[in-house]
Amino acid sequence: MRSPFLGMNPYLEHPELWSSVHSRLIVAIADALADILSQDYRIEIEKRTYWHEEITERYLEIREVKTGKVITAIEILSPKNKRTGEGKEAYLRKHRRILQTQTHLIEIDLLRINSTFLYHHTPVSDYHILISRSHDRPSADLYNFSVRDAFPMSLSLYAPMKQNQF
């Protein structure tokens, strides 16, 4: 049966389903990017593990082929990243580390829980995509969309998406 939602299905946020959804999204994004990246770059699926619990989260890095340098980090937030505890602290450490480098950061938040996790002055919205380009910091672009909006296939092609710069 086809989903009644144009974009993200909010029922996929259920804790028993999210790990699988997260993994499939990471692989789907990696596959899509591999088809369009220049031969000068490669996409890698990386993982972060929390030591108190056996939790492994995957994220993407676009690397320069010649040097192995990370050009862009792509994160899809998980519930553990957004709730108080080890997962959130590990993610925030990585987030701060990236923002101190020349690495671009794309953060995809498809979870309605704690929707103001990193964005203290954002409009109310179900989902967010943050794009922090190293050369534009401390400014970044924040794209907001709701459960009623079709999931953006390409940020440049998705006209109705609201964009805020902060």
N, C-alpha and C. Protein backbone atom coordinates (compact mmCIF):
# COMPACT_ATOMS: atom_id res chain seq x y z
N MET A 1 0.84 -1.17 0.00
CA MET A 1 0.00 0.00 0.00
C MET A 1 0.89 1.24 0.00
N ARG A 2 0.51 2.21 -0.79
CA ARG A 2 1.24 3.46 -0.90
C ARG A 2 1.01 4.31 0.36
N SER A 3 2.07 4.98 0.82
CA SER A 3 1.98 5.82 2.01
C SER A 3 1.07 7.02 1.76
N PRO A 4 0.26 7.41 2.73
CA PRO A 4 -0.59 8.60 2.57
C PRO A 4 0.20 9.90 2.74
N PHE A 5 1.47 9.82 3.11
CA PHE A 5 2.28 11.00 3.33
C PHE A 5 3.08 11.33 2.09
N LEU A 6 3.14 12.60 1.75
CA LEU A 6 3.92 13.03 0.58
C LEU A 6 5.41 12.86 0.81
N GLY A 7 5.85 13.09 2.03
CA GLY A 7 7.28 13.05 2.35
C GLY A 7 7.59 11.95 3.34
N MET A 8 8.23 12.34 4.41
CA MET A 8 8.65 11.40 5.44
C MET A 8 7.43 10.82 6.15
N ASN A 9 7.39 9.52 6.27
CA ASN A 9 6.31 8.84 6.99
C ASN A 9 6.63 8.91 8.48
N PRO A 10 5.84 9.65 9.27
CA PRO A 10 6.16 9.81 10.69
C PRO A 10 6.14 8.51 11.49
N TYR A 11 5.46 7.49 10.99
CA TYR A 11 5.44 6.21 11.69
C TYR A 11 6.80 5.52 11.64
N LEU A 12 7.65 5.91 10.70
CA LEU A 12 8.99 5.33 10.61
C LEU A 12 9.90 5.83 11.72
N GLU A 13 9.46 6.85 12.45
CA GLU A 13 10.24 7.37 13.58
C GLU A 13 10.19 6.46 14.80
N HIS A 14 9.32 5.47 14.78
CA HIS A 14 9.17 4.57 15.91
C HIS A 14 10.54 3.95 16.24
N PRO A 15 10.91 3.91 17.53
CA PRO A 15 12.24 3.40 17.92
C PRO A 15 12.57 2.00 17.38
N GLU A 16 11.57 1.14 17.25
CA GLU A 16 11.84 -0.21 16.74
C GLU A 16 12.15 -0.21 15.25
N LEU A 17 11.76 0.84 14.53
CA LEU A 17 11.96 0.90 13.08
C LEU A 17 13.13 1.81 12.69
N TRP A 18 13.45 2.79 13.52
CA TRP A 18 14.36 3.86 13.10
C TRP A 18 15.75 3.36 12.70
N SER A 19 16.30 2.40 13.41
CA SER A 19 17.64 1.91 13.09
C SER A 19 17.71 1.41 11.65
N SER A 20 16.71 0.65 11.25
CA SER A 20 16.67 0.14 9.88
C SER A 20 16.45 1.27 8.87
N VAL A 21 15.55 2.19 9.20
CA VAL A 21 15.30 3.34 8.32
C VAL A 21 16.58 4.15 8.14
N HIS A 22 17.27 4.42 9.25
CA HIS A 22 18.52 5.18 9.23
C HIS A 22 19.55 4.50 8.32
N SER A 23 19.74 3.21 8.50
CA SER A 23 20.72 2.46 7.69
C SER A 23 20.37 2.51 6.21
N ARG A 24 19.09 2.32 5.90
CA ARG A 24 18.67 2.33 4.49
C ARG A 24 18.83 3.71 3.87
N LEU A 25 18.55 4.77 4.64
CA LEU A 25 18.74 6.13 4.13
C LEU A 25 20.20 6.41 3.84
N ILE A 26 21.07 5.99 4.73
CA ILE A 26 22.51 6.20 4.54
C ILE A 26 22.96 5.53 3.24
N VAL A 27 22.57 4.29 3.03
CA VAL A 27 22.97 3.56 1.82
C VAL A 27 22.35 4.20 0.57
N ALA A 28 21.08 4.59 0.65
CA ALA A 28 20.41 5.21 -0.50
C ALA A 28 21.08 6.54 -0.88
N ILE A 29 21.43 7.34 0.12
CA ILE A 29 22.10 8.62 -0.17
C ILE A 29 23.49 8.35 -0.74
N ALA A 30 24.20 7.40 -0.17
CA ALA A 30 25.54 7.07 -0.69
C ALA A 30 25.46 6.61 -2.14
N ASP A 31 24.51 5.75 -2.46
CA ASP A 31 24.34 5.27 -3.84
C ASP A 31 24.00 6.42 -4.79
N ALA A 32 23.10 7.29 -4.36
CA ALA A 32 22.70 8.42 -5.21
C ALA A 32 23.88 9.37 -5.45
N LEU A 33 24.65 9.64 -4.41
CA LEU A 33 25.80 10.53 -4.57
C LEU A 33 26.92 9.91 -5.40
N ALA A 34 27.11 8.60 -5.26
CA ALA A 34 28.16 7.93 -6.02
C ALA A 34 27.94 8.09 -7.52
N ASP A 35 26.67 8.15 -7.93
CA ASP A 35 26.35 8.30 -9.35
C ASP A 35 26.63 9.70 -9.88
N ILE A 36 26.68 10.70 -9.02
CA ILE A 36 26.83 12.07 -9.51
C ILE A 36 28.15 12.75 -9.09
N LEU A 37 28.90 12.12 -8.19
CA LEU A 37 30.17 12.73 -7.75
C LEU A 37 31.20 12.70 -8.86
N SER A 38 32.00 13.74 -8.90
CA SER A 38 33.15 13.78 -9.80
C SER A 38 34.09 12.63 -9.44
N GLN A 39 34.91 12.20 -10.38
CA GLN A 39 35.87 11.13 -10.11
C GLN A 39 36.96 11.57 -9.13
N ASP A 40 36.99 12.86 -8.83
CA ASP A 40 37.96 13.37 -7.86
C ASP A 40 37.54 13.08 -6.42
N TYR A 41 36.31 12.60 -6.24
CA TYR A 41 35.77 12.38 -4.89
C TYR A 41 35.20 10.98 -4.78
N ARG A 42 35.14 10.50 -3.55
CA ARG A 42 34.50 9.21 -3.27
C ARG A 42 33.63 9.38 -2.03
N ILE A 43 32.61 8.56 -1.92
CA ILE A 43 31.71 8.60 -0.76
C ILE A 43 31.99 7.37 0.09
N GLU A 44 32.10 7.59 1.39
CA GLU A 44 32.38 6.51 2.33
C GLU A 44 31.29 6.45 3.39
N ILE A 45 30.87 5.25 3.74
CA ILE A 45 29.95 5.07 4.87
C ILE A 45 30.82 4.79 6.09
N GLU A 46 30.74 5.66 7.06
CA GLU A 46 31.54 5.54 8.28
C GLU A 46 30.62 5.19 9.44
N LYS A 47 31.22 4.86 10.60
CA LYS A 47 30.39 4.53 11.75
C LYS A 47 30.96 5.13 13.03
N ARG A 48 30.05 5.39 13.96
CA ARG A 48 30.38 5.90 15.28
C ARG A 48 29.77 4.90 16.27
N THR A 49 30.54 4.46 17.26
CA THR A 49 30.06 3.49 18.24
C THR A 49 30.12 4.10 19.63
N TYR A 50 29.08 3.90 20.42
CA TYR A 50 29.05 4.36 21.81
C TYR A 50 29.50 3.20 22.68
N TRP A 51 30.32 3.50 23.66
CA TRP A 51 30.97 2.46 24.45
C TRP A 51 30.09 1.90 25.57
N HIS A 52 29.25 2.69 26.21
CA HIS A 52 28.42 2.17 27.30
C HIS A 52 27.37 1.20 26.79
N GLU A 53 26.89 1.49 25.60
CA GLU A 53 25.92 0.59 24.97
C GLU A 53 26.54 0.19 23.64
N GLU A 54 26.09 -0.90 23.11
CA GLU A 54 26.60 -1.31 21.80
C GLU A 54 25.73 -0.68 20.72
N ILE A 55 25.87 0.63 20.55
CA ILE A 55 25.12 1.39 19.56
C ILE A 55 26.09 1.82 18.47
N THR A 56 25.76 1.50 17.24
CA THR A 56 26.56 1.94 16.10
C THR A 56 25.68 2.77 15.19
N GLU A 57 26.16 3.97 14.87
CA GLU A 57 25.44 4.84 13.95
C GLU A 57 26.32 5.09 12.74
N ARG A 58 25.71 5.12 11.61
CA ARG A 58 26.44 5.34 10.37
C ARG A 58 26.24 6.78 9.90
N TYR A 59 27.24 7.28 9.21
CA TYR A 59 27.19 8.60 8.60
C TYR A 59 28.02 8.56 7.35
N LEU A 60 27.94 9.60 6.54
CA LEU A 60 28.64 9.62 5.26
C LEU A 60 29.74 10.67 5.26
N GLU A 61 30.79 10.38 4.53
CA GLU A 61 31.84 11.36 4.29
C GLU A 61 32.17 11.35 2.80
N ILE A 62 32.26 12.54 2.25
CA ILE A 62 32.75 12.68 0.88
C ILE A 62 34.22 13.05 1.02
N ARG A 63 35.08 12.25 0.41
CA ARG A 63 36.53 12.43 0.52
C ARG A 63 37.16 12.72 -0.84
N GLU A 64 38.20 13.49 -0.79
CA GLU A 64 38.99 13.74 -1.99
C GLU A 64 39.81 12.48 -2.27
N VAL A 65 39.76 11.98 -3.49
CA VAL A 65 40.44 10.74 -3.83
C VAL A 65 41.95 10.86 -3.63
N LYS A 66 42.56 11.94 -4.12
CA LYS A 66 44.02 12.08 -4.06
C LYS A 66 44.57 12.10 -2.64
N THR A 67 43.91 12.82 -1.76
CA THR A 67 44.45 13.05 -0.41
C THR A 67 43.72 12.29 0.69
N GLY A 68 42.50 11.84 0.44
CA GLY A 68 41.69 11.21 1.48
C GLY A 68 41.05 12.22 2.41
N LYS A 69 41.26 13.50 2.16
CA LYS A 69 40.72 14.57 3.00
C LYS A 69 39.19 14.57 2.95
N VAL A 70 38.57 14.72 4.14
CA VAL A 70 37.11 14.79 4.21
C VAL A 70 36.67 16.17 3.74
N ILE A 71 35.87 16.21 2.69
CA ILE A 71 35.36 17.46 2.12
C ILE A 71 34.00 17.80 2.74
N THR A 72 33.15 16.78 2.88
CA THR A 72 31.79 16.97 3.41
C THR A 72 31.42 15.81 4.31
N ALA A 73 30.83 16.12 5.46
CA ALA A 73 30.26 15.11 6.36
C ALA A 73 28.75 15.22 6.25
N ILE A 74 28.08 14.08 6.10
CA ILE A 74 26.62 14.05 6.00
C ILE A 74 26.10 13.19 7.14
N GLU A 75 25.27 13.79 7.99
CA GLU A 75 24.70 13.10 9.14
C GLU A 75 23.18 13.05 9.02
N ILE A 76 22.62 11.90 9.32
CA ILE A 76 21.17 11.78 9.50
C ILE A 76 20.99 11.56 11.00
N LEU A 77 20.35 12.51 11.66
CA LEU A 77 20.22 12.42 13.11
C LEU A 77 19.38 11.23 13.53
N SER A 78 19.75 10.66 14.65
CA SER A 78 18.99 9.55 15.24
C SER A 78 18.41 10.03 16.57
N PRO A 79 17.47 9.27 17.14
CA PRO A 79 16.94 9.66 18.45
C PRO A 79 18.03 9.79 19.50
N LYS A 80 19.05 8.94 19.44
CA LYS A 80 20.15 9.00 20.43
C LYS A 80 20.93 10.31 20.30
N ASN A 81 21.00 10.89 19.10
CA ASN A 81 21.70 12.16 18.92
C ASN A 81 20.93 13.31 19.53
N LYS A 82 19.63 13.15 19.70
CA LYS A 82 18.78 14.27 20.11
C LYS A 82 18.33 14.21 21.56
N ARG A 83 18.53 13.07 22.21
CA ARG A 83 18.14 12.94 23.62
C ARG A 83 19.37 13.06 24.50
N THR A 84 19.17 13.56 25.71
CA THR A 84 20.27 13.70 26.66
C THR A 84 20.92 12.35 26.88
N GLY A 85 22.25 12.35 26.85
CA GLY A 85 22.98 11.11 27.10
C GLY A 85 24.21 11.01 26.24
N GLU A 86 24.80 9.82 26.25
CA GLU A 86 26.06 9.57 25.56
C GLU A 86 25.98 9.81 24.05
N GLY A 87 24.88 9.40 23.43
CA GLY A 87 24.74 9.58 21.99
C GLY A 87 24.74 11.04 21.58
N LYS A 88 24.03 11.85 22.33
CA LYS A 88 23.98 13.28 22.04
C LYS A 88 25.35 13.92 22.27
N GLU A 89 26.01 13.56 23.35
CA GLU A 89 27.32 14.13 23.64
C GLU A 89 28.35 13.74 22.58
N ALA A 90 28.33 12.48 22.13
CA ALA A 90 29.25 12.04 21.08
C ALA A 90 28.99 12.80 19.78
N TYR A 91 27.69 12.97 19.46
CA TYR A 91 27.37 13.69 18.24
C TYR A 91 27.78 15.16 18.33
N LEU A 92 27.51 15.80 19.46
CA LEU A 92 27.87 17.22 19.62
C LEU A 92 29.39 17.43 19.55
N ARG A 93 30.16 16.49 20.11
CA ARG A 93 31.63 16.58 20.00
C ARG A 93 32.06 16.56 18.54
N LYS A 94 31.48 15.62 17.78
CA LYS A 94 31.81 15.54 16.36
C LYS A 94 31.36 16.81 15.63
N HIS A 95 30.18 17.28 15.94
CA HIS A 95 29.62 18.48 15.31
C HIS A 95 30.55 19.67 15.54
N ARG A 96 30.97 19.87 16.78
CA ARG A 96 31.88 20.99 17.10
C ARG A 96 33.22 20.83 16.39
N ARG A 97 33.72 19.60 16.34
CA ARG A 97 35.00 19.33 15.67
C ARG A 97 34.92 19.68 14.19
N ILE A 98 33.84 19.26 13.54
CA ILE A 98 33.67 19.56 12.11
C ILE A 98 33.61 21.05 11.88
N LEU A 99 32.88 21.77 12.73
CA LEU A 99 32.71 23.21 12.53
C LEU A 99 34.02 23.99 12.70
N GLN A 100 35.03 23.36 13.26
CA GLN A 100 36.34 24.01 13.42
C GLN A 100 37.28 23.67 12.27
N THR A 101 36.79 22.97 11.26
CA THR A 101 37.63 22.56 10.13
C THR A 101 37.09 23.17 8.83
N GLN A 102 37.71 22.79 7.74
CA GLN A 102 37.26 23.21 6.41
C GLN A 102 36.26 22.23 5.80
N THR A 103 35.77 21.29 6.62
CA THR A 103 34.79 20.30 6.16
C THR A 103 33.40 20.91 6.15
N HIS A 104 32.68 20.71 5.06
CA HIS A 104 31.28 21.12 4.98
C HIS A 104 30.45 20.12 5.78
N LEU A 105 29.33 20.58 6.34
CA LEU A 105 28.46 19.70 7.12
C LEU A 105 27.05 19.77 6.58
N ILE A 106 26.48 18.61 6.31
CA ILE A 106 25.06 18.50 5.97
C ILE A 106 24.43 17.64 7.05
N GLU A 107 23.44 18.20 7.72
CA GLU A 107 22.78 17.50 8.80
C GLU A 107 21.30 17.37 8.45
N ILE A 108 20.83 16.14 8.39
CA ILE A 108 19.45 15.85 8.00
C ILE A 108 18.71 15.37 9.24
N ASP A 109 17.69 16.12 9.63
CA ASP A 109 16.91 15.80 10.82
C ASP A 109 15.50 15.43 10.40
N LEU A 110 15.22 14.13 10.38
CA LEU A 110 13.91 13.62 9.98
C LEU A 110 13.13 13.08 11.17
N LEU A 111 13.47 13.58 12.35
CA LEU A 111 12.79 13.16 13.57
C LEU A 111 12.14 14.36 14.23
N ARG A 112 10.88 14.23 14.54
CA ARG A 112 10.16 15.35 15.13
C ARG A 112 10.46 15.54 16.61
N ILE A 113 11.06 14.56 17.27
CA ILE A 113 11.41 14.72 18.68
C ILE A 113 12.50 15.78 18.84
N ASN A 114 12.38 16.60 19.86
CA ASN A 114 13.36 17.66 20.13
C ASN A 114 13.72 18.41 18.86
N SER A 115 12.73 18.92 18.16
CA SER A 115 12.99 19.53 16.86
C SER A 115 13.86 20.77 16.93
N THR A 116 14.05 21.33 18.12
CA THR A 116 14.94 22.48 18.23
C THR A 116 16.28 22.08 18.83
N PHE A 117 16.67 20.85 18.64
CA PHE A 117 17.90 20.28 19.17
C PHE A 117 19.12 21.17 18.96
N LEU A 118 19.39 21.57 17.74
CA LEU A 118 20.54 22.42 17.46
C LEU A 118 20.15 23.82 17.01
N TYR A 119 18.88 24.04 16.79
CA TYR A 119 18.44 25.29 16.19
C TYR A 119 17.56 26.04 17.18
N HIS A 120 18.15 26.95 17.89
CA HIS A 120 17.43 27.63 18.96
C HIS A 120 16.44 28.68 18.46
N HIS A 121 16.63 29.19 17.27
CA HIS A 121 15.77 30.27 16.76
C HIS A 121 15.17 29.91 15.41
N THR A 122 14.69 28.70 15.29
CA THR A 122 14.14 28.27 14.01
C THR A 122 12.63 28.33 14.03
N PRO A 123 12.05 28.49 12.85
CA PRO A 123 10.59 28.42 12.77
C PRO A 123 10.14 27.01 13.12
N VAL A 124 8.92 26.90 13.59
CA VAL A 124 8.37 25.59 13.91
C VAL A 124 8.25 24.80 12.62
N SER A 125 8.80 23.61 12.62
CA SER A 125 8.78 22.76 11.44
C SER A 125 9.00 21.33 11.89
N ASP A 126 8.51 20.38 11.10
CA ASP A 126 8.69 18.98 11.46
C ASP A 126 10.13 18.52 11.24
N TYR A 127 10.70 18.90 10.11
CA TYR A 127 12.01 18.39 9.72
C TYR A 127 12.93 19.53 9.30
N HIS A 128 14.24 19.27 9.38
CA HIS A 128 15.23 20.29 9.02
C HIS A 128 16.38 19.66 8.27
N ILE A 129 16.96 20.45 7.39
CA ILE A 129 18.24 20.11 6.77
C ILE A 129 19.13 21.32 6.94
N LEU A 130 20.26 21.11 7.61
CA LEU A 130 21.24 22.16 7.85
C LEU A 130 22.39 21.97 6.87
N ILE A 131 22.78 23.05 6.20
CA ILE A 131 23.95 23.00 5.32
C ILE A 131 24.90 24.08 5.80
N SER A 132 26.03 23.64 6.33
CA SER A 132 27.05 24.54 6.84
C SER A 132 28.27 24.41 5.94
N ARG A 133 28.44 25.40 5.07
CA ARG A 133 29.59 25.41 4.17
C ARG A 133 30.76 26.06 4.91
N SER A 134 31.91 25.45 4.85
CA SER A 134 33.05 25.92 5.64
C SER A 134 33.38 27.38 5.35
N HIS A 135 33.28 27.81 4.11
CA HIS A 135 33.65 29.18 3.74
C HIS A 135 32.58 30.21 4.13
N ASP A 136 31.40 29.77 4.56
CA ASP A 136 30.33 30.69 4.95
C ASP A 136 30.16 30.80 6.47
N ARG A 137 30.88 30.00 7.23
CA ARG A 137 30.70 30.00 8.68
C ARG A 137 31.08 31.34 9.28
N PRO A 138 30.34 31.78 10.27
CA PRO A 138 29.39 31.03 11.10
C PRO A 138 27.99 30.95 10.51
N SER A 139 27.71 31.52 9.36
CA SER A 139 26.39 31.40 8.74
C SER A 139 26.19 30.01 8.18
N ALA A 140 24.93 29.60 8.10
CA ALA A 140 24.57 28.32 7.52
C ALA A 140 23.17 28.45 6.94
N ASP A 141 22.80 27.53 6.08
CA ASP A 141 21.45 27.50 5.52
C ASP A 141 20.66 26.42 6.25
N LEU A 142 19.43 26.76 6.60
CA LEU A 142 18.56 25.82 7.26
C LEU A 142 17.29 25.70 6.45
N TYR A 143 17.00 24.50 5.98
CA TYR A 143 15.80 24.23 5.20
C TYR A 143 14.80 23.53 6.11
N ASN A 144 13.58 24.02 6.12
CA ASN A 144 12.51 23.47 6.95
C ASN A 144 11.42 22.89 6.05
N PHE A 145 10.87 21.76 6.45
CA PHE A 145 9.72 21.22 5.73
C PHE A 145 8.89 20.39 6.68
N SER A 146 7.65 20.19 6.31
CA SER A 146 6.71 19.52 7.21
C SER A 146 6.40 18.11 6.72
N VAL A 147 5.69 17.41 7.56
CA VAL A 147 5.27 16.04 7.24
C VAL A 147 4.35 16.05 6.02
N ARG A 148 3.73 17.17 5.73
CA ARG A 148 2.82 17.28 4.60
C ARG A 148 3.53 17.57 3.28
N ASP A 149 4.80 17.99 3.35
CA ASP A 149 5.56 18.32 2.14
C ASP A 149 6.20 17.06 1.56
N ALA A 150 6.30 17.04 0.26
CA ALA A 150 7.04 15.96 -0.39
C ALA A 150 8.50 16.07 0.04
N PHE A 151 9.13 14.93 0.26
CA PHE A 151 10.54 14.95 0.66
C PHE A 151 11.36 15.53 -0.48
N PRO A 152 12.22 16.48 -0.17
CA PRO A 152 12.99 17.14 -1.23
C PRO A 152 13.99 16.19 -1.87
N MET A 153 13.83 15.96 -3.17
CA MET A 153 14.78 15.12 -3.90
C MET A 153 16.08 15.88 -4.15
N SER A 154 15.95 17.16 -4.34
CA SER A 154 17.12 18.01 -4.53
C SER A 154 16.80 19.36 -3.94
N LEU A 155 17.66 19.86 -3.10
CA LEU A 155 17.38 21.15 -2.46
C LEU A 155 17.24 22.26 -3.49
N SER A 156 17.99 22.18 -4.57
CA SER A 156 17.92 23.24 -5.58
C SER A 156 16.63 23.17 -6.40
N LEU A 157 15.98 22.01 -6.45
CA LEU A 157 14.78 21.86 -7.25
C LEU A 157 13.50 21.97 -6.42
N TYR A 158 13.63 22.03 -5.11
CA TYR A 158 12.46 22.01 -4.25
C TYR A 158 12.03 23.42 -3.90
N ALA A 159 11.19 24.01 -4.73
CA ALA A 159 10.79 25.42 -4.59
C ALA A 159 10.01 25.74 -3.32
N PRO A 160 9.02 24.95 -2.88
CA PRO A 160 8.23 25.35 -1.73
C PRO A 160 8.97 25.31 -0.39
N MET A 161 10.14 24.69 -0.35
CA MET A 161 10.85 24.56 0.91
C MET A 161 11.24 25.93 1.46
N LYS A 162 10.99 26.13 2.73
CA LYS A 162 11.37 27.38 3.37
C LYS A 162 12.85 27.32 3.72
N GLN A 163 13.55 28.41 3.47
CA GLN A 163 14.96 28.45 3.78
C GLN A 163 15.24 29.64 4.71
N ASN A 164 16.03 29.39 5.70
CA ASN A 164 16.46 30.44 6.61
C ASN A 164 17.97 30.42 6.68
N GLN A 165 18.54 31.60 6.77
CA GLN A 165 19.97 31.65 6.97
C GLN A 165 20.21 32.14 8.38
N PHE A 166 21.09 31.48 9.09
CA PHE A 166 21.38 31.93 10.44
C PHE A 166 22.86 31.87 10.70
